[in-house]
Amino acid sequence: MRILDIIENIGKAPARVCRGSKPDSQLPASWVASCRSQGLRARDSDKEHTIKGKRTAIDNKKIKGEPYNGPLPNYSD
């Protein structure tokens, strides 16, 4: 892998890639995380979070993260 390939794959993923049909295994991990935070790809987690006052499982749901004005907290800080 070239340095340029690594540098290009860092940051916010393009929406066209997130909505595309490529599986998560063929995308860079940072793009998959970005797509999930943007609410464009379904999450795969056994966790439950409090959303609108109720504990909700987030598995297989498209839920935005806090940086994109969603209800899920941002744990990267």
N, C-alpha and C. Protein backbone atom coordinates (compact mmCIF):
# COMPACT_ATOMS: atom_id res chain seq x y z
N MET A 1 0.85 -1.17 0.00
CA MET A 1 0.00 0.00 0.00
C MET A 1 0.90 1.24 0.00
N ARG A 2 0.54 2.18 -0.81
CA ARG A 2 1.32 3.41 -0.91
C ARG A 2 0.87 4.41 0.15
N ILE A 3 1.76 5.32 0.48
CA ILE A 3 1.45 6.36 1.46
C ILE A 3 0.26 7.19 1.00
N LEU A 4 0.19 7.49 -0.27
CA LEU A 4 -0.90 8.29 -0.80
C LEU A 4 -2.26 7.60 -0.58
N ASP A 5 -2.30 6.27 -0.72
CA ASP A 5 -3.53 5.52 -0.48
C ASP A 5 -3.98 5.67 0.97
N ILE A 6 -3.03 5.63 1.88
CA ILE A 6 -3.35 5.76 3.30
C ILE A 6 -3.86 7.15 3.62
N ILE A 7 -3.22 8.16 3.10
CA ILE A 7 -3.60 9.55 3.37
C ILE A 7 -4.98 9.86 2.81
N GLU A 8 -5.31 9.35 1.63
CA GLU A 8 -6.60 9.63 1.01
C GLU A 8 -7.76 9.00 1.77
N ASN A 9 -7.51 7.93 2.50
CA ASN A 9 -8.58 7.20 3.18
C ASN A 9 -8.86 7.70 4.59
N ILE A 10 -8.22 8.77 5.01
CA ILE A 10 -8.43 9.31 6.35
C ILE A 10 -9.48 10.41 6.28
N GLY A 11 -10.40 10.43 7.25
CA GLY A 11 -11.37 11.50 7.33
C GLY A 11 -12.78 11.07 6.97
N LYS A 12 -13.59 12.04 6.70
CA LYS A 12 -15.00 11.80 6.40
C LYS A 12 -15.15 11.05 5.07
N ALA A 13 -15.95 10.00 5.09
CA ALA A 13 -16.17 9.20 3.89
C ALA A 13 -17.18 9.89 2.98
N PRO A 14 -16.98 9.82 1.66
CA PRO A 14 -17.94 10.41 0.73
C PRO A 14 -19.28 9.68 0.80
N ALA A 15 -20.36 10.43 0.69
CA ALA A 15 -21.71 9.86 0.80
C ALA A 15 -21.96 8.81 -0.28
N ARG A 16 -21.39 9.01 -1.48
CA ARG A 16 -21.63 8.05 -2.55
C ARG A 16 -21.04 6.69 -2.21
N VAL A 17 -19.93 6.67 -1.47
CA VAL A 17 -19.33 5.41 -1.04
C VAL A 17 -20.19 4.77 0.04
N CYS A 18 -20.69 5.58 0.96
CA CYS A 18 -21.51 5.06 2.06
C CYS A 18 -22.81 4.44 1.57
N ARG A 19 -23.38 5.05 0.57
CA ARG A 19 -24.65 4.54 0.03
C ARG A 19 -24.45 3.45 -1.02
N GLY A 20 -23.21 3.21 -1.39
CA GLY A 20 -22.89 2.23 -2.41
C GLY A 20 -23.11 0.80 -1.93
N SER A 21 -22.88 -0.15 -2.82
CA SER A 21 -23.14 -1.55 -2.51
C SER A 21 -21.91 -2.32 -2.05
N LYS A 22 -20.77 -1.64 -1.93
CA LYS A 22 -19.56 -2.34 -1.47
C LYS A 22 -19.75 -2.76 -0.02
N PRO A 23 -19.35 -3.99 0.31
CA PRO A 23 -19.45 -4.44 1.71
C PRO A 23 -18.43 -3.72 2.59
N ASP A 24 -18.70 -3.71 3.89
CA ASP A 24 -17.82 -3.04 4.85
C ASP A 24 -16.39 -3.59 4.78
N SER A 25 -16.25 -4.87 4.47
CA SER A 25 -14.93 -5.48 4.46
C SER A 25 -14.03 -4.94 3.34
N GLN A 26 -14.61 -4.31 2.33
CA GLN A 26 -13.82 -3.78 1.23
C GLN A 26 -13.55 -2.28 1.35
N LEU A 27 -14.00 -1.67 2.44
CA LEU A 27 -13.78 -0.24 2.67
C LEU A 27 -12.79 -0.05 3.81
N PRO A 28 -12.06 1.05 3.82
CA PRO A 28 -11.18 1.34 4.97
C PRO A 28 -12.00 1.48 6.25
N ALA A 29 -11.44 1.04 7.35
CA ALA A 29 -12.15 1.06 8.63
C ALA A 29 -12.60 2.47 9.01
N SER A 30 -11.79 3.47 8.71
CA SER A 30 -12.17 4.84 9.07
C SER A 30 -13.39 5.30 8.28
N TRP A 31 -13.50 4.86 7.02
CA TRP A 31 -14.67 5.21 6.21
C TRP A 31 -15.92 4.51 6.72
N VAL A 32 -15.80 3.25 7.13
CA VAL A 32 -16.96 2.52 7.66
C VAL A 32 -17.46 3.22 8.92
N ALA A 33 -16.54 3.60 9.79
CA ALA A 33 -16.92 4.31 11.02
C ALA A 33 -17.57 5.64 10.68
N SER A 34 -17.03 6.36 9.70
CA SER A 34 -17.59 7.64 9.30
C SER A 34 -18.99 7.46 8.71
N CYS A 35 -19.18 6.45 7.89
CA CYS A 35 -20.50 6.19 7.29
C CYS A 35 -21.54 5.90 8.37
N ARG A 36 -21.14 5.13 9.38
CA ARG A 36 -22.06 4.80 10.47
C ARG A 36 -22.38 6.05 11.28
N SER A 37 -21.40 6.87 11.55
CA SER A 37 -21.63 8.10 12.31
C SER A 37 -22.53 9.06 11.55
N GLN A 38 -22.42 9.07 10.22
CA GLN A 38 -23.27 9.93 9.40
C GLN A 38 -24.69 9.38 9.27
N GLY A 39 -24.90 8.14 9.70
CA GLY A 39 -26.22 7.52 9.61
C GLY A 39 -26.51 6.98 8.23
N LEU A 40 -25.47 6.68 7.44
CA LEU A 40 -25.66 6.20 6.08
C LEU A 40 -25.48 4.69 5.95
N ARG A 41 -24.91 4.05 6.95
CA ARG A 41 -24.76 2.59 6.99
C ARG A 41 -25.26 2.09 8.33
N ALA A 42 -25.81 0.89 8.33
CA ALA A 42 -26.34 0.30 9.55
C ALA A 42 -25.21 -0.07 10.50
N ARG A 43 -25.48 0.03 11.77
CA ARG A 43 -24.49 -0.31 12.79
C ARG A 43 -24.59 -1.79 13.13
N ASP A 44 -23.49 -2.36 13.60
CA ASP A 44 -23.50 -3.75 14.05
C ASP A 44 -22.91 -3.79 15.46
N SER A 45 -23.78 -3.76 16.43
CA SER A 45 -23.35 -3.69 17.82
C SER A 45 -24.39 -4.35 18.71
N ASP A 46 -23.91 -4.97 19.79
CA ASP A 46 -24.82 -5.56 20.76
C ASP A 46 -25.23 -4.55 21.83
N LYS A 47 -24.71 -3.33 21.72
CA LYS A 47 -24.95 -2.30 22.73
C LYS A 47 -26.36 -1.73 22.64
N GLU A 48 -26.79 -1.16 23.76
CA GLU A 48 -28.03 -0.40 23.81
C GLU A 48 -27.68 1.00 24.29
N HIS A 49 -28.37 1.98 23.74
CA HIS A 49 -28.16 3.37 24.13
C HIS A 49 -29.50 4.00 24.44
N THR A 50 -29.48 5.06 25.23
CA THR A 50 -30.71 5.78 25.55
C THR A 50 -30.96 6.79 24.43
N ILE A 51 -32.06 6.58 23.71
CA ILE A 51 -32.45 7.46 22.63
C ILE A 51 -33.88 7.90 22.88
N LYS A 52 -34.07 9.22 23.01
CA LYS A 52 -35.38 9.80 23.32
C LYS A 52 -35.97 9.20 24.60
N GLY A 53 -35.11 9.01 25.61
CA GLY A 53 -35.56 8.55 26.92
C GLY A 53 -35.79 7.06 27.03
N LYS A 54 -35.53 6.27 25.99
CA LYS A 54 -35.74 4.83 26.04
C LYS A 54 -34.45 4.10 25.69
N ARG A 55 -34.22 2.96 26.35
CA ARG A 55 -33.08 2.12 26.01
C ARG A 55 -33.40 1.40 24.70
N THR A 56 -32.55 1.57 23.71
CA THR A 56 -32.80 1.03 22.38
C THR A 56 -31.57 0.28 21.88
N ALA A 57 -31.77 -0.92 21.35
CA ALA A 57 -30.68 -1.65 20.71
C ALA A 57 -30.38 -0.96 19.38
N ILE A 58 -29.11 -0.80 19.06
CA ILE A 58 -28.76 -0.07 17.84
C ILE A 58 -28.31 -1.01 16.72
N ASP A 59 -28.38 -2.31 16.93
CA ASP A 59 -27.96 -3.27 15.93
C ASP A 59 -28.84 -3.18 14.69
N ASN A 60 -28.21 -3.11 13.52
CA ASN A 60 -28.89 -3.05 12.21
C ASN A 60 -29.77 -1.82 12.03
N LYS A 61 -29.41 -0.72 12.70
CA LYS A 61 -30.16 0.53 12.55
C LYS A 61 -29.22 1.62 12.07
N LYS A 62 -29.76 2.52 11.28
CA LYS A 62 -29.00 3.67 10.81
C LYS A 62 -29.29 4.84 11.74
N ILE A 63 -28.36 5.07 12.66
CA ILE A 63 -28.53 6.12 13.67
C ILE A 63 -27.32 7.04 13.60
N LYS A 64 -27.55 8.33 13.53
CA LYS A 64 -26.45 9.30 13.45
C LYS A 64 -25.74 9.45 14.79
N GLY A 65 -24.47 9.81 14.70
CA GLY A 65 -23.69 10.10 15.88
C GLY A 65 -23.78 11.57 16.23
N GLU A 66 -23.30 11.93 17.40
CA GLU A 66 -23.38 13.30 17.89
C GLU A 66 -22.74 14.34 16.97
N PRO A 67 -21.58 14.04 16.33
CA PRO A 67 -20.99 15.06 15.44
C PRO A 67 -21.88 15.41 14.24
N TYR A 68 -22.84 14.56 13.92
CA TYR A 68 -23.73 14.80 12.80
C TYR A 68 -25.16 15.06 13.29
N ASN A 69 -25.26 15.64 14.49
CA ASN A 69 -26.54 16.02 15.09
C ASN A 69 -27.45 14.84 15.36
N GLY A 70 -26.87 13.71 15.75
CA GLY A 70 -27.64 12.53 16.09
C GLY A 70 -27.65 12.30 17.59
N PRO A 71 -28.38 11.28 18.05
CA PRO A 71 -28.53 11.03 19.48
C PRO A 71 -27.40 10.22 20.12
N LEU A 72 -26.55 9.56 19.32
CA LEU A 72 -25.50 8.74 19.92
C LEU A 72 -24.31 9.59 20.34
N PRO A 73 -23.75 9.34 21.52
CA PRO A 73 -22.63 10.14 22.02
C PRO A 73 -21.35 9.92 21.21
N ASN A 74 -20.47 10.90 21.27
CA ASN A 74 -19.18 10.84 20.60
C ASN A 74 -18.14 10.39 21.60
N TYR A 75 -17.61 9.17 21.43
CA TYR A 75 -16.64 8.63 22.37
C TYR A 75 -15.20 8.90 21.97
N SER A 76 -14.99 9.60 20.85
CA SER A 76 -13.63 9.82 20.39
C SER A 76 -12.92 10.97 21.11
N ASP A 77 -13.61 11.71 21.92
CA ASP A 77 -12.98 12.83 22.64
C ASP A 77 -12.17 12.36 23.81
